[in-house]
Amino acid sequence: MMMYEACVPVLQHYLNQLDRMLFKAQRHLGTKPEAELLQLRLAPDMMMLWQQVLVAIGFSLRASAPLVGVNAPMTQFEEKSI
């Protein structure tokens, strides 16, 4: 089994799960602004939701780029919206 076959489907699965959770969270917000959700933490010492999402995306990019023979993109993520 190639490393790509072992890693990329797992990363895709978890990013799809994250997408579904964010969709549900957005629906749950109703008329409240998205910024409220993005600032939430599950515990006081945890990163805010927007930071955790960016870490998950960044990890997936950095882990999968070498598997396809490219350098990981150096992107500056900013808090935007879900």
Protein backbone atom coordinates (compact mmCIF):
# COMPACT_ATOMS: atom_id res chain seq x y z
CA MET A 1 0.00 0.00 0.00
CA MET A 2 1.32 3.41 -0.94
CA MET A 3 1.56 6.17 1.69
CA TYR A 4 -0.88 8.25 -0.34
CA GLU A 5 -3.49 5.47 -0.20
CA ALA A 6 -2.97 5.10 3.54
CA CYS A 7 -3.09 8.80 4.44
CA VAL A 8 -5.19 10.84 2.04
CA PRO A 9 -8.50 8.95 2.46
CA VAL A 10 -8.18 9.35 6.23
CA LEU A 11 -7.55 13.09 5.91
CA GLN A 12 -10.47 13.41 3.49
CA HIS A 13 -12.74 11.56 5.91
CA TYR A 14 -11.88 13.84 8.82
CA LEU A 15 -12.16 17.02 6.75
CA ASN A 16 -15.57 15.87 5.48
CA GLN A 17 -16.64 15.21 9.08
CA LEU A 18 -15.45 18.68 10.05
CA ASP A 19 -17.42 20.16 7.15
CA ARG A 20 -20.59 18.39 8.29
CA MET A 21 -20.10 19.55 11.89
CA LEU A 22 -19.61 23.16 10.79
CA PHE A 23 -22.73 22.95 8.61
CA LYS A 24 -24.76 21.66 11.57
CA ALA A 25 -23.32 24.32 13.85
CA GLN A 26 -24.20 27.02 11.33
CA ARG A 27 -27.79 25.74 11.12
CA HIS A 28 -27.96 25.66 14.92
CA LEU A 29 -26.94 29.32 15.10
CA GLY A 30 -30.12 30.47 13.42
CA THR A 31 -29.98 34.26 13.19
CA LYS A 32 -26.94 34.71 15.42
CA PRO A 33 -23.79 35.97 13.70
CA GLU A 34 -21.21 33.37 12.60
CA ALA A 35 -18.55 35.31 14.48
CA GLU A 36 -20.11 34.10 17.73
CA LEU A 37 -19.61 30.47 16.77
CA LEU A 38 -16.09 31.01 15.50
CA GLN A 39 -15.02 32.51 18.82
CA LEU A 40 -16.30 29.59 20.94
CA ARG A 41 -14.05 27.23 22.88
CA LEU A 42 -15.04 23.88 24.37
CA ALA A 43 -12.85 24.63 27.38
CA PRO A 44 -11.18 27.85 28.56
CA ASP A 45 -7.66 26.64 27.69
CA MET A 46 -8.55 25.50 24.14
CA MET A 47 -8.06 27.43 20.93
CA MET A 48 -11.09 29.12 19.42
CA LEU A 49 -13.08 27.15 16.85
CA TRP A 50 -11.73 29.11 13.89
CA GLN A 51 -8.17 28.35 15.00
CA GLN A 52 -8.89 24.64 15.39
CA VAL A 53 -10.41 24.48 11.91
CA LEU A 54 -7.35 26.16 10.42
CA VAL A 55 -5.02 23.76 12.23
CA ALA A 56 -6.94 20.79 10.78
CA ILE A 57 -6.79 22.23 7.26
CA GLY A 58 -3.12 23.18 7.56
CA PHE A 59 -2.16 19.75 8.87
CA SER A 60 -3.96 18.05 5.99
CA LEU A 61 -2.19 20.26 3.45
CA ARG A 62 1.25 19.75 4.99
CA ALA A 63 0.75 16.00 5.34
CA SER A 64 -0.55 15.35 1.85
CA ALA A 65 1.61 17.70 -0.25
CA PRO A 66 4.80 15.59 -0.03
CA LEU A 67 2.80 12.48 -0.93
CA VAL A 68 2.08 13.92 -4.36
CA GLY A 69 5.55 15.39 -4.79
CA VAL A 70 4.85 19.07 -4.20
CA ASN A 71 5.83 21.54 -1.51
CA ALA A 72 3.18 22.33 1.04
CA PRO A 73 1.57 25.67 0.22
CA MET A 74 2.57 28.50 2.52
CA THR A 75 -0.74 30.19 3.10
CA GLN A 76 -1.77 32.77 5.62
CA PHE A 77 -5.13 31.83 6.99
CA GLU A 78 -7.35 34.46 8.49
CA GLU A 79 -10.52 34.25 10.47
CA LYS A 80 -13.29 34.62 7.91
CA SER A 81 -16.56 32.78 8.18
CA ILE A 82 -17.87 29.25 8.05
